[in-house]
Amino acid sequence: MKLRRQPIIAVAAVAVVAGIVLAIGLSSKKDKAEAKSASAAPAVQPLNISVMLDLSDRLIAKGPNDNIPQMEKDTTIIAHLRDWFIQRQVQHRLMTEDVMRVFFYPSPNLYNIQQLQDNLTVDLRFGNGKKLGQVKKHQQTLLQMPATWSQSLEQIYTTAIAKKQWVGADVWGYFNHSAKNQCIREGYRNILIILTDGYLYHVKSWQKTQTGVYTGITSITVGQQTAIAPIADDMSDLEVLFLEINPMKPNDFDPMRQLLIDWCHNMGVQHCDVVITDVPQNNYLVIDNFLKH
């Protein structure tokens, strides 16, 4: 499957890239002027954004809201998140120390998955080196980000669809074992965005813990369960946004949304939202408002 052409997104990406060049002035300004520009950047709380992908058969499922291929919807949303992230760097003159990554749990069975994972990770922290030199390095990273991310995601999605070896997303298992260590950085605003249809099922973690309580949600349990099994870790420093929720039955959305919100609140997450799938552009404002919160 090939990605559809998206001229509006492409134009936006070009504009953002132009902004990166203007933010520091790669070749037209002297180092002294660049250093002054960089040091004048206002202090801002850094962001740590993690995007979790559900590579299950949702990619080929046909539900009531599947007028656009799921691959196209997912990659369009990620492109919007990517461009929002880049524009933020331009606004703050590449001095944010932000981190953004796309990941999977469990990882798909691809021979170069580690390289793809690295491609989908952007770390703009400065460390102990000279700040000006690292700003230039970050600038190059951001200039390459649109093409690198588009190519890597296309390979992941097209391979998953072709092989039909659905690894899914073990959302409950990830929160139980890894989210606190991997998605929360001290001193950062930590945001986890999960692209999933809302049916949180994985064979490795699925179980019924007590009457009406399960480690996820299925189309069978959604209308009768009372809760998602709690996680022991404190997630109060994490914000969670569920996107592309796509229940097979329209009536499943409200109970699904309530189960997910209650689960997040029980983990200490105060800022969370659950958004039903739509034409991606229709949810841009919802995404932007969540990020600006």
Protein backbone atom coordinates (compact mmCIF):
# COMPACT_ATOMS: atom_id res chain seq x y z
CA MET A 1 0.00 0.00 0.00
CA LYS A 2 1.33 3.47 -0.88
CA LEU A 3 0.65 6.62 1.05
CA ARG A 4 -1.71 9.02 -0.64
CA ARG A 5 -0.36 12.36 -1.66
CA GLN A 6 -1.08 15.00 0.94
CA PRO A 7 -0.23 18.38 -0.61
CA ILE A 8 -1.50 20.47 2.29
CA ILE A 9 0.69 18.58 4.74
CA ALA A 10 3.65 18.80 2.37
CA VAL A 11 3.28 22.58 2.06
CA ALA A 12 3.05 22.90 5.83
CA ALA A 13 6.19 20.79 6.25
CA VAL A 14 8.09 23.00 3.77
CA ALA A 15 7.02 26.09 5.70
CA VAL A 16 8.16 24.57 8.97
CA VAL A 17 11.53 23.56 7.50
CA ALA A 18 12.00 27.11 6.20
CA GLY A 19 11.31 28.31 9.72
CA ILE A 20 14.08 26.11 11.09
CA VAL A 21 16.60 27.67 8.74
CA LEU A 22 15.46 31.16 9.67
CA ALA A 23 15.50 30.38 13.39
CA ILE A 24 19.28 30.10 13.53
CA GLY A 25 20.48 31.06 10.05
CA LEU A 26 22.61 28.10 9.06
CA SER A 27 24.91 29.76 6.52
CA SER A 28 24.09 33.45 6.33
CA LYS A 29 24.96 34.50 9.92
CA LYS A 30 28.23 34.51 11.75
CA ASP A 31 28.74 32.31 14.80
CA LYS A 32 28.72 35.32 17.10
CA ALA A 33 25.30 36.41 15.88
CA GLU A 34 24.02 32.83 16.14
CA ALA A 35 25.26 32.52 19.70
CA LYS A 36 23.55 35.76 20.66
CA SER A 37 20.30 34.58 19.06
CA ALA A 38 20.48 31.23 20.85
CA SER A 39 21.27 32.70 24.25
CA ALA A 40 18.36 35.14 23.92
CA ALA A 41 15.82 32.33 23.61
CA PRO A 42 13.24 32.37 26.43
CA ALA A 43 13.25 29.58 29.01
CA VAL A 44 10.47 27.04 28.48
CA GLN A 45 9.51 23.79 30.18
CA PRO A 46 10.76 20.96 27.97
CA LEU A 47 8.35 18.40 26.51
CA ASN A 48 8.76 14.64 26.48
CA ILE A 49 6.28 13.29 23.92
CA SER A 50 5.87 9.55 23.36
CA VAL A 51 3.60 8.19 20.61
CA MET A 52 2.55 4.53 20.91
CA LEU A 53 1.27 2.71 17.83
CA ASP A 54 -1.22 -0.17 17.81
CA LEU A 55 -0.12 -2.43 14.97
CA SER A 56 -3.07 -4.79 15.22
CA ASP A 57 -5.61 -5.84 12.62
CA ARG A 58 -7.19 -2.42 13.16
CA LEU A 59 -5.03 -1.51 10.17
CA ILE A 60 -7.30 -3.52 7.88
CA ALA A 61 -10.52 -3.74 9.93
CA LYS A 62 -13.66 -2.29 8.42
CA GLY A 63 -15.75 -0.49 10.99
CA PRO A 64 -18.39 2.24 10.77
CA ASN A 65 -15.72 4.98 10.68
CA ASP A 66 -13.32 3.39 8.17
CA ASN A 67 -13.85 5.60 5.13
CA ILE A 68 -10.11 6.36 5.08
CA PRO A 69 -7.43 3.63 5.37
CA GLN A 70 -6.11 3.43 8.91
CA MET A 71 -2.52 3.67 7.75
CA GLU A 72 -3.28 7.02 6.11
CA LYS A 73 -5.08 8.33 9.18
CA ASP A 74 -2.30 7.28 11.56
CA THR A 75 0.52 8.67 9.44
CA THR A 76 -1.35 11.92 8.83
CA ILE A 77 -1.83 12.40 12.57
CA ILE A 78 1.82 11.63 13.28
CA ALA A 79 2.85 14.09 10.55
CA HIS A 80 0.76 16.75 12.28
CA LEU A 81 2.37 15.96 15.65
CA ARG A 82 5.79 16.05 14.02
CA ASP A 83 5.17 19.43 12.38
CA TRP A 84 3.74 20.84 15.63
CA PHE A 85 6.90 19.67 17.39
CA ILE A 86 9.17 21.25 14.77
CA GLN A 87 7.25 24.53 14.83
CA ARG A 88 7.68 24.64 18.60
CA GLN A 89 11.45 24.38 18.14
CA VAL A 90 11.39 27.26 15.66
CA GLN A 91 9.32 29.35 18.07
CA HIS A 92 11.83 28.80 20.87
CA ARG A 93 14.96 29.03 18.70
CA LEU A 94 15.84 25.33 19.11
CA MET A 95 16.50 25.79 22.84
CA THR A 96 13.74 23.63 24.31
CA GLU A 97 15.62 20.36 25.04
CA ASP A 98 12.44 18.55 23.95
CA VAL A 99 12.28 14.82 23.27
CA MET A 100 9.82 13.08 20.91
CA ARG A 101 9.61 9.46 19.84
CA VAL A 102 7.31 6.94 18.19
CA PHE A 103 7.42 3.42 19.60
CA PHE A 104 5.73 0.04 19.77
CA TYR A 105 5.05 -2.46 22.55
CA PRO A 106 5.74 -5.18 21.66
CA SER A 107 8.02 -4.40 18.74
CA PRO A 108 7.07 -5.67 15.27
CA ASN A 109 9.13 -8.45 13.74
CA LEU A 110 11.22 -6.40 11.31
CA TYR A 111 14.90 -7.06 10.63
CA ASN A 112 15.79 -3.36 11.02
CA ILE A 113 13.35 -2.43 13.78
CA GLN A 114 16.10 -0.95 15.98
CA GLN A 115 17.19 1.38 13.18
CA LEU A 116 13.59 2.39 12.52
CA GLN A 117 13.06 3.01 16.24
CA ASP A 118 16.16 5.23 16.27
CA ASN A 119 14.89 7.08 13.19
CA LEU A 120 11.64 7.83 15.02
CA THR A 121 13.36 9.29 18.08
CA VAL A 122 14.37 12.96 18.27
CA ASP A 123 16.31 14.02 21.36
CA LEU A 124 17.12 17.73 21.54
CA ARG A 125 18.80 17.73 24.93
CA PHE A 126 22.12 19.59 25.13
CA GLY A 127 24.20 17.49 27.50
CA ASN A 128 27.65 18.84 28.36
CA GLY A 129 28.86 19.95 24.92
CA LYS A 130 29.04 23.47 23.51
CA LYS A 131 25.49 24.72 23.16
CA LEU A 132 25.95 26.48 19.81
CA GLY A 133 27.41 23.38 18.18
CA GLN A 134 24.56 21.27 19.51
CA VAL A 135 21.97 23.78 18.29
CA LYS A 136 23.37 23.35 14.78
CA LYS A 137 23.23 19.58 15.17
CA HIS A 138 19.61 19.81 16.36
CA GLN A 139 18.82 22.01 13.38
CA GLN A 140 20.05 19.32 11.01
CA THR A 141 18.02 16.70 12.89
CA LEU A 142 14.86 18.76 12.48
CA LEU A 143 15.53 19.43 8.80
CA GLN A 144 15.79 15.68 8.20
CA MET A 145 12.87 14.77 10.45
CA PRO A 146 9.96 15.00 7.94
CA ALA A 147 11.54 12.71 5.35
CA THR A 148 13.06 10.32 7.89
CA TRP A 149 9.82 9.88 9.81
CA SER A 150 7.67 9.50 6.68
CA GLN A 151 9.94 6.85 5.19
CA SER A 152 10.29 4.90 8.44
CA LEU A 153 6.55 4.88 9.15
CA GLU A 154 5.71 3.84 5.62
CA GLN A 155 8.06 0.86 5.92
CA ILE A 156 6.60 -0.17 9.27
CA TYR A 157 2.96 0.10 8.21
CA THR A 158 3.29 -1.42 4.74
CA THR A 159 5.30 -4.34 6.11
CA ALA A 160 2.81 -4.97 8.91
CA ILE A 161 -0.11 -4.93 6.48
CA ALA A 162 1.66 -7.16 3.95
CA LYS A 163 2.76 -9.77 6.50
CA LYS A 164 -0.50 -9.68 8.49
CA GLN A 165 1.46 -10.69 11.58
CA TRP A 166 -0.40 -8.47 13.98
CA VAL A 167 1.72 -7.71 17.05
CA GLY A 168 -0.95 -5.33 18.35
CA ALA A 169 -0.26 -3.06 21.30
CA ASP A 170 -0.06 -4.33 24.87
CA VAL A 171 -1.20 -1.06 26.41
CA TRP A 172 -1.98 -2.47 29.86
CA GLY A 173 1.27 -4.44 29.92
CA TYR A 174 3.22 -1.34 28.90
CA PHE A 175 1.75 0.73 31.71
CA ASN A 176 2.35 -2.11 34.15
CA HIS A 177 5.99 -2.70 33.21
CA SER A 178 7.53 0.21 31.33
CA ALA A 179 5.56 3.47 31.11
CA LYS A 180 6.88 5.07 34.29
CA ASN A 181 10.52 4.47 33.35
CA GLN A 182 10.23 5.22 29.65
CA CYS A 183 7.62 8.00 29.42
CA ILE A 184 8.35 10.14 32.47
CA ARG A 185 11.37 12.42 32.71
CA GLU A 186 11.99 14.58 35.74
CA GLY A 187 11.55 18.30 35.04
CA TYR A 188 9.62 17.64 31.81
CA ARG A 189 6.00 17.85 30.81
CA ASN A 190 5.41 14.22 29.90
CA ILE A 191 2.79 13.29 27.28
CA LEU A 192 1.87 9.82 26.03
CA ILE A 193 -0.25 9.66 22.87
CA ILE A 194 -1.71 6.25 21.99
CA LEU A 195 -3.12 5.49 18.53
CA THR A 196 -5.50 2.57 19.01
CA ASP A 197 -9.04 1.48 18.22
CA GLY A 198 -9.76 1.30 21.96
CA TYR A 199 -9.99 -2.47 22.24
CA LEU A 200 -7.04 -3.00 24.57
CA TYR A 201 -6.33 -6.67 24.27
CA HIS A 202 -3.06 -8.55 24.14
CA VAL A 203 -2.59 -12.26 24.70
CA LYS A 204 0.46 -11.72 26.94
CA SER A 205 -1.33 -9.62 29.53
CA TRP A 206 -5.06 -10.34 29.17
CA GLN A 207 -6.83 -11.61 32.25
CA LYS A 208 -9.88 -11.11 34.39
CA THR A 209 -8.71 -9.91 37.80
CA GLN A 210 -12.10 -9.85 39.50
CA THR A 211 -15.77 -9.62 38.58
CA GLY A 212 -16.18 -6.98 35.90
CA VAL A 213 -12.47 -6.00 35.92
CA TYR A 214 -10.08 -6.90 33.10
CA THR A 215 -6.59 -5.92 31.95
CA GLY A 216 -8.00 -4.12 28.93
CA ILE A 217 -11.18 -3.91 26.88
CA THR A 218 -12.68 -6.20 24.25
CA SER A 219 -15.82 -5.97 22.14
CA ILE A 220 -17.32 -8.63 24.43
CA THR A 221 -16.45 -7.03 27.77
CA VAL A 222 -16.89 -3.33 26.98
CA GLY A 223 -20.60 -3.21 27.73
CA GLN A 224 -20.44 -5.19 30.96
CA GLN A 225 -17.13 -4.51 32.66
CA THR A 226 -16.84 -2.03 35.48
CA ALA A 227 -13.15 -1.15 35.30
CA ILE A 228 -9.75 -1.78 33.78
CA ALA A 229 -7.40 -3.44 36.27
CA PRO A 230 -5.38 -0.76 38.09
CA ILE A 231 -1.64 -0.24 37.80
CA ALA A 232 0.43 0.09 40.96
CA ASP A 233 2.77 2.82 39.63
CA ASP A 234 2.00 6.48 40.20
CA MET A 235 1.49 8.18 36.84
CA SER A 236 0.66 11.65 38.16
CA ASP A 237 3.50 13.18 36.10
CA LEU A 238 2.08 11.79 32.86
CA GLU A 239 -0.63 13.09 30.52
CA VAL A 240 -2.39 10.61 28.23
CA LEU A 241 -4.23 11.16 24.94
CA PHE A 242 -5.99 8.26 23.17
CA LEU A 243 -6.54 8.91 19.46
CA GLU A 244 -8.23 6.98 16.65
CA ILE A 245 -10.71 5.23 18.95
CA ASN A 246 -12.83 3.22 16.53
CA PRO A 247 -15.42 0.94 18.14
CA MET A 248 -17.07 -1.65 15.93
CA LYS A 249 -20.41 -0.67 17.48
CA PRO A 250 -21.10 3.08 17.87
CA ASN A 251 -22.69 2.47 21.27
CA ASP A 252 -19.38 1.11 22.55
CA PHE A 253 -17.66 4.50 22.49
CA ASP A 254 -19.18 6.04 25.62
CA PRO A 255 -18.49 3.08 27.95
CA MET A 256 -15.05 2.63 26.35
CA ARG A 257 -14.21 6.28 26.90
CA GLN A 258 -15.35 6.17 30.51
CA LEU A 259 -13.35 3.02 31.25
CA LEU A 260 -10.18 4.58 29.82
CA ILE A 261 -10.62 7.90 31.64
CA ASP A 262 -11.37 6.18 34.97
CA TRP A 263 -8.33 3.95 34.49
CA CYS A 264 -6.09 6.96 33.86
CA HIS A 265 -7.46 8.82 36.86
CA ASN A 266 -6.92 5.77 39.07
CA MET A 267 -3.25 5.83 38.03
CA GLY A 268 -2.98 9.49 39.02
CA VAL A 269 -3.21 10.88 35.47
CA GLN A 270 -5.07 14.19 35.73
CA HIS A 271 -4.98 15.35 32.11
CA CYS A 272 -6.33 12.75 29.71
CA ASP A 273 -8.71 12.53 26.78
CA VAL A 274 -10.20 9.87 24.53
CA VAL A 275 -10.93 10.92 20.93
CA ILE A 276 -12.97 8.99 18.40
CA THR A 277 -11.56 8.51 14.90
CA ASP A 278 -12.46 11.02 12.21
CA VAL A 279 -10.95 12.61 9.14
CA PRO A 280 -7.55 13.48 10.67
CA GLN A 281 -7.80 17.21 9.94
CA ASN A 282 -11.02 17.34 11.97
CA ASN A 283 -9.08 16.31 15.09
CA TYR A 284 -6.14 18.68 14.66
CA LEU A 285 -7.72 21.28 16.94
CA VAL A 286 -8.38 18.66 19.64
CA ILE A 287 -4.76 17.53 19.44
CA ASP A 288 -3.38 21.08 19.48
CA ASN A 289 -5.53 22.09 22.46
CA PHE A 290 -4.35 19.04 24.38
CA LEU A 291 -0.71 19.85 23.66
CA LYS A 292 -1.17 23.52 24.61
CA HIS A 293 -2.96 22.68 27.89
